[in-house]
């Protein structure tokens, strides 16, 4: 009986530790992003930000972070297309990070249902980069902000630019820009607003 209890306690500790690595933070008021397009708002009435279940895991020399997670703060696509867009963004960013040999890191995409649960984004985890992302179908703009934590000073990038295609699945310009900002942050060691 004691062995069963000990195994259950160990399993609980491992589960909590795994969730802490994949947790983000709720900064729903911190990111200045355009309001979602009317189509997306009508499709999901009263919805707030959504979290992607696709996580980019990075490994490399002296990296200050191990995971990159994504929060949808206004991607204007139909609800049925959201998972596809989330996976496309994660895969594209993983490829962009892996292609940049100057960063000496490897990236791969993991699927985690826990990462998609807003309840797991209430407290910041160490060694983590959080990406808030939005896309306006009306103005054809992509935008993102990068965060190393939950405080206002933890935002180390914010950018919005015209999309090269009206198709929201054309995410390569977005992910290349995110990878470039991460590369600059790694080169300078600056993962806060004021370094």
C-alpha atoms as a PDB file:
ATOM      1  CA  UNK A   1       0.000   0.000   0.000  1.00  0.00           C
ATOM      2  CA  UNK A   2       2.841   2.406   0.892  1.00  0.00           C
ATOM      3  CA  UNK A   3       4.465   1.725  -2.496  1.00  0.00           C
ATOM      4  CA  UNK A   4       1.236   2.628  -4.323  1.00  0.00           C
ATOM      5  CA  UNK A   5       0.874   5.869  -2.332  1.00  0.00           C
ATOM      6  CA  UNK A   6       4.525   6.759  -2.954  1.00  0.00           C
ATOM      7  CA  UNK A   7       4.095   6.162  -6.714  1.00  0.00           C
ATOM      8  CA  UNK A   8       0.966   8.336  -6.777  1.00  0.00           C
ATOM      9  CA  UNK A   9       2.766  11.148  -4.944  1.00  0.00           C
ATOM     10  CA  UNK A  10       5.738  10.888  -7.326  1.00  0.00           C
ATOM     11  CA  UNK A  11       3.412  10.930 -10.344  1.00  0.00           C
ATOM     12  CA  UNK A  12       1.616  14.016  -8.971  1.00  0.00           C
ATOM     13  CA  UNK A  13       4.917  15.858  -8.440  1.00  0.00           C
ATOM     14  CA  UNK A  14       6.085  15.001 -11.975  1.00  0.00           C
ATOM     15  CA  UNK A  15       2.756  16.129 -13.455  1.00  0.00           C
ATOM     16  CA  UNK A  16       2.861  19.434 -11.567  1.00  0.00           C
ATOM     17  CA  UNK A  17       6.481  19.989 -12.663  1.00  0.00           C
ATOM     18  CA  UNK A  18       5.581  19.309 -16.304  1.00  0.00           C
ATOM     19  CA  UNK A  19       2.652  21.696 -16.134  1.00  0.00           C
ATOM     20  CA  UNK A  20       4.873  24.388 -14.629  1.00  0.00           C
ATOM     21  CA  UNK A  21       7.236  24.114 -17.595  1.00  0.00           C
ATOM     22  CA  UNK A  22       4.383  24.474 -20.050  1.00  0.00           C
ATOM     23  CA  UNK A  23       2.513  27.151 -18.162  1.00  0.00           C
ATOM     24  CA  UNK A  24       2.430  30.691 -19.356  1.00  0.00           C
ATOM     25  CA  UNK A  25       0.828  33.664 -17.823  1.00  0.00           C
ATOM     26  CA  UNK A  26      -2.379  35.550 -18.250  1.00  0.00           C
ATOM     27  CA  UNK A  27      -1.477  38.965 -19.633  1.00  0.00           C
ATOM     28  CA  UNK A  28      -4.785  39.532 -21.360  1.00  0.00           C
ATOM     29  CA  UNK A  29      -4.715  43.231 -20.535  1.00  0.00           C
ATOM     30  CA  UNK A  30      -0.992  43.775 -21.183  1.00  0.00           C
ATOM     31  CA  UNK A  31      -0.727  43.240 -24.924  1.00  0.00           C
ATOM     32  CA  UNK A  32      -1.872  46.121 -27.084  1.00  0.00           C
ATOM     33  CA  UNK A  33      -3.468  44.287 -29.987  1.00  0.00           C
ATOM     34  CA  UNK A  34      -6.261  45.125 -32.361  1.00  0.00           C
ATOM     35  CA  UNK A  35      -9.691  43.765 -31.545  1.00  0.00           C
ATOM     36  CA  UNK A  36     -10.496  40.516 -33.324  1.00  0.00           C
ATOM     37  CA  UNK A  37     -12.382  40.862 -36.573  1.00  0.00           C
ATOM     38  CA  UNK A  38     -16.162  40.711 -36.361  1.00  0.00           C
ATOM     39  CA  UNK A  39     -16.225  37.269 -37.993  1.00  0.00           C
ATOM     40  CA  UNK A  40     -14.045  35.745 -35.271  1.00  0.00           C
ATOM     41  CA  UNK A  41     -15.927  37.542 -32.478  1.00  0.00           C
ATOM     42  CA  UNK A  42     -19.263  36.292 -33.766  1.00  0.00           C
ATOM     43  CA  UNK A  43     -17.943  32.757 -34.179  1.00  0.00           C
ATOM     44  CA  UNK A  44     -16.896  32.549 -30.535  1.00  0.00           C
ATOM     45  CA  UNK A  45     -19.117  34.926 -28.535  1.00  0.00           C
ATOM     46  CA  UNK A  46     -17.625  36.322 -25.347  1.00  0.00           C
ATOM     47  CA  UNK A  47     -14.363  34.492 -25.841  1.00  0.00           C
ATOM     48  CA  UNK A  48     -11.101  35.816 -24.504  1.00  0.00           C
ATOM     49  CA  UNK A  49      -7.618  34.870 -25.603  1.00  0.00           C
ATOM     50  CA  UNK A  50      -7.038  31.280 -26.661  1.00  0.00           C
ATOM     51  CA  UNK A  51      -3.900  29.273 -26.029  1.00  0.00           C
ATOM     52  CA  UNK A  52      -2.285  27.029 -28.603  1.00  0.00           C
ATOM     53  CA  UNK A  53      -1.659  23.385 -27.698  1.00  0.00           C
ATOM     54  CA  UNK A  54       1.457  23.481 -29.910  1.00  0.00           C
ATOM     55  CA  UNK A  55       4.643  24.304 -27.990  1.00  0.00           C
ATOM     56  CA  UNK A  56       8.081  24.876 -29.509  1.00  0.00           C
ATOM     57  CA  UNK A  57      10.767  23.197 -27.429  1.00  0.00           C
ATOM     58  CA  UNK A  58      14.279  24.541 -27.969  1.00  0.00           C
ATOM     59  CA  UNK A  59      17.639  23.131 -26.979  1.00  0.00           C
ATOM     60  CA  UNK A  60      21.029  24.674 -27.448  1.00  0.00           C
ATOM     61  CA  UNK A  61      24.021  26.212 -25.793  1.00  0.00           C
ATOM     62  CA  UNK A  62      23.352  28.591 -22.893  1.00  0.00           C
ATOM     63  CA  UNK A  63      19.737  29.323 -23.782  1.00  0.00           C
ATOM     64  CA  UNK A  64      17.729  31.291 -21.203  1.00  0.00           C
ATOM     65  CA  UNK A  65      14.511  29.544 -22.295  1.00  0.00           C
ATOM     66  CA  UNK A  66      13.398  26.019 -23.193  1.00  0.00           C
ATOM     67  CA  UNK A  67       9.795  26.466 -24.360  1.00  0.00           C
ATOM     68  CA  UNK A  68       7.886  28.901 -26.553  1.00  0.00           C
ATOM     69  CA  UNK A  69       4.110  29.026 -26.213  1.00  0.00           C
ATOM     70  CA  UNK A  70       1.502  30.988 -28.138  1.00  0.00           C
ATOM     71  CA  UNK A  71      -1.535  32.992 -27.074  1.00  0.00           C
ATOM     72  CA  UNK A  72      -4.096  33.942 -29.721  1.00  0.00           C
ATOM     73  CA  UNK A  73      -5.207  37.472 -28.879  1.00  0.00           C
ATOM     74  CA  UNK A  74      -7.060  38.041 -32.139  1.00  0.00           C
ATOM     75  CA  UNK A  75      -6.342  35.687 -35.030  1.00  0.00           C
ATOM     76  CA  UNK A  76      -9.359  36.185 -37.245  1.00  0.00           C
ATOM     77  CA  UNK A  77     -10.088  32.727 -38.602  1.00  0.00           C
ATOM     78  CA  UNK A  78     -13.071  30.448 -38.208  1.00  0.00           C
ATOM     79  CA  UNK A  79     -12.978  28.279 -35.049  1.00  0.00           C
ATOM     80  CA  UNK A  80     -12.601  25.135 -37.187  1.00  0.00           C
ATOM     81  CA  UNK A  81      -9.342  26.521 -38.630  1.00  0.00           C
ATOM     82  CA  UNK A  82      -7.735  27.642 -35.366  1.00  0.00           C
ATOM     83  CA  UNK A  83      -5.850  24.433 -34.538  1.00  0.00           C
ATOM     84  CA  UNK A  84      -4.479  24.302 -38.080  1.00  0.00           C
ATOM     85  CA  UNK A  85      -3.219  27.894 -37.817  1.00  0.00           C
ATOM     86  CA  UNK A  86      -1.740  27.251 -34.342  1.00  0.00           C
ATOM     87  CA  UNK A  87       0.154  24.204 -35.587  1.00  0.00           C
ATOM     88  CA  UNK A  88       1.283  26.041 -38.726  1.00  0.00           C
ATOM     89  CA  UNK A  89       2.704  28.909 -36.643  1.00  0.00           C
ATOM     90  CA  UNK A  90       4.535  26.539 -34.276  1.00  0.00           C
ATOM     91  CA  UNK A  91       5.969  24.396 -37.097  1.00  0.00           C
ATOM     92  CA  UNK A  92       7.021  27.457 -39.084  1.00  0.00           C
ATOM     93  CA  UNK A  93       8.728  29.062 -36.071  1.00  0.00           C
ATOM     94  CA  UNK A  94      10.472  25.791 -35.255  1.00  0.00           C
ATOM     95  CA  UNK A  95      11.814  25.628 -38.823  1.00  0.00           C
ATOM     96  CA  UNK A  96      12.865  29.314 -38.764  1.00  0.00           C
ATOM     97  CA  UNK A  97      14.758  28.841 -35.497  1.00  0.00           C
ATOM     98  CA  UNK A  98      16.417  25.664 -36.720  1.00  0.00           C
ATOM     99  CA  UNK A  99      17.442  27.318 -39.990  1.00  0.00           C
ATOM    100  CA  UNK A 100      19.296  30.153 -38.245  1.00  0.00           C
ATOM    101  CA  UNK A 101      22.684  28.575 -37.565  1.00  0.00           C
ATOM    102  CA  UNK A 102      23.841  31.714 -35.750  1.00  0.00           C
ATOM    103  CA  UNK A 103      21.615  30.810 -32.796  1.00  0.00           C
ATOM    104  CA  UNK A 104      23.043  27.279 -32.401  1.00  0.00           C
ATOM    105  CA  UNK A 105      19.823  25.731 -31.253  1.00  0.00           C
ATOM    106  CA  UNK A 106      17.479  22.952 -32.203  1.00  0.00           C
ATOM    107  CA  UNK A 107      13.719  23.347 -32.157  1.00  0.00           C
ATOM    108  CA  UNK A 108      10.848  20.893 -32.328  1.00  0.00           C
ATOM    109  CA  UNK A 109       7.102  21.116 -31.884  1.00  0.00           C
ATOM    110  CA  UNK A 110       5.288  19.333 -29.075  1.00  0.00           C
ATOM    111  CA  UNK A 111       1.534  18.949 -28.658  1.00  0.00           C
ATOM    112  CA  UNK A 112       0.207  19.591 -25.148  1.00  0.00           C
ATOM    113  CA  UNK A 113      -3.482  19.777 -24.315  1.00  0.00           C
ATOM    114  CA  UNK A 114      -2.434  21.329 -20.997  1.00  0.00           C
ATOM    115  CA  UNK A 115      -0.847  24.267 -22.841  1.00  0.00           C
ATOM    116  CA  UNK A 116      -4.230  25.000 -24.472  1.00  0.00           C
ATOM    117  CA  UNK A 117      -6.004  25.194 -21.107  1.00  0.00           C
ATOM    118  CA  UNK A 118      -6.271  28.799 -19.805  1.00  0.00           C
ATOM    119  CA  UNK A 119      -6.099  27.443 -16.244  1.00  0.00           C
ATOM    120  CA  UNK A 120      -2.450  26.581 -16.867  1.00  0.00           C
ATOM    121  CA  UNK A 121      -1.537  30.168 -17.783  1.00  0.00           C
ATOM    122  CA  UNK A 122      -1.991  31.870 -14.441  1.00  0.00           C
ATOM    123  CA  UNK A 123       1.606  32.017 -13.243  1.00  0.00           C
ATOM    124  CA  UNK A 124       4.879  32.514 -15.061  1.00  0.00           C
ATOM    125  CA  UNK A 125       7.371  29.736 -15.494  1.00  0.00           C
ATOM    126  CA  UNK A 126      11.109  30.203 -15.757  1.00  0.00           C
ATOM    127  CA  UNK A 127      13.043  29.541 -18.981  1.00  0.00           C
ATOM    128  CA  UNK A 128      10.028  30.311 -21.140  1.00  0.00           C
ATOM    129  CA  UNK A 129       9.148  32.731 -23.957  1.00  0.00           C
ATOM    130  CA  UNK A 130       5.502  33.653 -24.465  1.00  0.00           C
ATOM    131  CA  UNK A 131       4.251  34.841 -27.858  1.00  0.00           C
ATOM    132  CA  UNK A 132       1.006  36.795 -28.145  1.00  0.00           C
ATOM    133  CA  UNK A 133      -0.124  36.798 -31.768  1.00  0.00           C
ATOM    134  CA  UNK A 134      -2.917  38.401 -33.790  1.00  0.00           C
ATOM    135  CA  UNK A 135      -4.037  38.646 -37.413  1.00  0.00           C
ATOM    136  CA  UNK A 136      -6.612  41.036 -38.773  1.00  0.00           C
ATOM    137  CA  UNK A 137      -8.511  39.785 -41.814  1.00  0.00           C
ATOM    138  CA  UNK A 138      -9.759  43.318 -42.469  1.00  0.00           C
ATOM    139  CA  UNK A 139      -6.407  45.109 -42.492  1.00  0.00           C
ATOM    140  CA  UNK A 140      -4.355  42.054 -43.530  1.00  0.00           C
ATOM    141  CA  UNK A 141      -1.892  42.636 -40.710  1.00  0.00           C
ATOM    142  CA  UNK A 142      -0.008  40.213 -38.506  1.00  0.00           C
ATOM    143  CA  UNK A 143       1.185  41.258 -35.087  1.00  0.00           C
ATOM    144  CA  UNK A 144       2.991  39.724 -32.158  1.00  0.00           C
ATOM    145  CA  UNK A 145       4.609  40.509 -28.868  1.00  0.00           C
ATOM    146  CA  UNK A 146       7.302  38.499 -27.094  1.00  0.00           C
ATOM    147  CA  UNK A 147       7.424  38.099 -23.320  1.00  0.00           C
ATOM    148  CA  UNK A 148       9.885  36.558 -20.888  1.00  0.00           C
ATOM    149  CA  UNK A 149       7.428  36.802 -17.992  1.00  0.00           C
ATOM    150  CA  UNK A 150       4.147  38.296 -16.841  1.00  0.00           C
ATOM    151  CA  UNK A 151       5.142  41.853 -15.887  1.00  0.00           C
ATOM    152  CA  UNK A 152       4.954  44.872 -18.183  1.00  0.00           C
ATOM    153  CA  UNK A 153       8.755  45.091 -18.250  1.00  0.00           C
ATOM    154  CA  UNK A 154       8.969  41.475 -19.471  1.00  0.00           C
ATOM    155  CA  UNK A 155       7.738  42.407 -22.947  1.00  0.00           C
ATOM    156  CA  UNK A 156      10.872  42.526 -25.113  1.00  0.00           C
ATOM    157  CA  UNK A 157       9.332  42.854 -28.580  1.00  0.00           C
ATOM    158  CA  UNK A 158       6.159  44.185 -30.193  1.00  0.00           C
ATOM    159  CA  UNK A 159       5.595  44.330 -33.925  1.00  0.00           C
ATOM    160  CA  UNK A 160       2.764  44.651 -36.408  1.00  0.00           C
ATOM    161  CA  UNK A 161       3.179  44.522 -40.181  1.00  0.00           C
ATOM    162  CA  UNK A 162       1.243  43.972 -43.407  1.00  0.00           C
ATOM    163  CA  UNK A 163       0.755  40.353 -44.389  1.00  0.00           C
ATOM    164  CA  UNK A 164       2.187  39.280 -47.726  1.00  0.00           C
ATOM    165  CA  UNK A 165      -0.912  37.186 -48.444  1.00  0.00           C
ATOM    166  CA  UNK A 166      -4.569  37.407 -47.430  1.00  0.00           C
ATOM    167  CA  UNK A 167      -4.344  33.725 -46.426  1.00  0.00           C
ATOM    168  CA  UNK A 168      -3.748  33.557 -42.649  1.00  0.00           C
ATOM    169  CA  UNK A 169      -1.945  30.228 -43.181  1.00  0.00           C
ATOM    170  CA  UNK A 170       0.882  32.168 -44.875  1.00  0.00           C
ATOM    171  CA  UNK A 171       2.753  32.627 -41.612  1.00  0.00           C
ATOM    172  CA  UNK A 172       6.388  32.471 -42.759  1.00  0.00           C
ATOM    173  CA  UNK A 173       6.945  36.267 -42.671  1.00  0.00           C
ATOM    174  CA  UNK A 174       5.509  36.313 -39.136  1.00  0.00           C
ATOM    175  CA  UNK A 175       7.641  33.453 -37.842  1.00  0.00           C
ATOM    176  CA  UNK A 176      10.826  34.675 -39.554  1.00  0.00           C
ATOM    177  CA  UNK A 177      10.326  38.031 -37.825  1.00  0.00           C
ATOM    178  CA  UNK A 178       9.756  36.341 -34.454  1.00  0.00           C
ATOM    179  CA  UNK A 179      12.894  34.224 -34.985  1.00  0.00           C
ATOM    180  CA  UNK A 180      14.884  37.368 -35.868  1.00  0.00           C
ATOM    181  CA  UNK A 181      13.744  39.109 -32.669  1.00  0.00           C
ATOM    182  CA  UNK A 182      14.638  36.030 -30.621  1.00  0.00           C
ATOM    183  CA  UNK A 183      18.059  35.988 -32.295  1.00  0.00           C
ATOM    184  CA  UNK A 184      18.671  39.630 -31.354  1.00  0.00           C
ATOM    185  CA  UNK A 185      17.530  38.966 -27.784  1.00  0.00           C
ATOM    186  CA  UNK A 186      19.894  35.997 -27.544  1.00  0.00           C
ATOM    187  CA  UNK A 187      22.785  38.010 -29.003  1.00  0.00           C
ATOM    188  CA  UNK A 188      22.285  40.886 -26.571  1.00  0.00           C
ATOM    189  CA  UNK A 189      20.990  38.891 -23.593  1.00  0.00           C
ATOM    190  CA  UNK A 190      18.047  41.301 -23.466  1.00  0.00           C
ATOM    191  CA  UNK A 191      14.717  39.662 -22.651  1.00  0.00           C
ATOM    192  CA  UNK A 192      13.042  42.651 -20.999  1.00  0.00           C
ATOM    193  CA  UNK A 193      11.669  46.004 -22.150  1.00  0.00           C
ATOM    194  CA  UNK A 194      14.585  47.984 -20.688  1.00  0.00           C
ATOM    195  CA  UNK A 195      17.982  46.314 -20.871  1.00  0.00           C
END
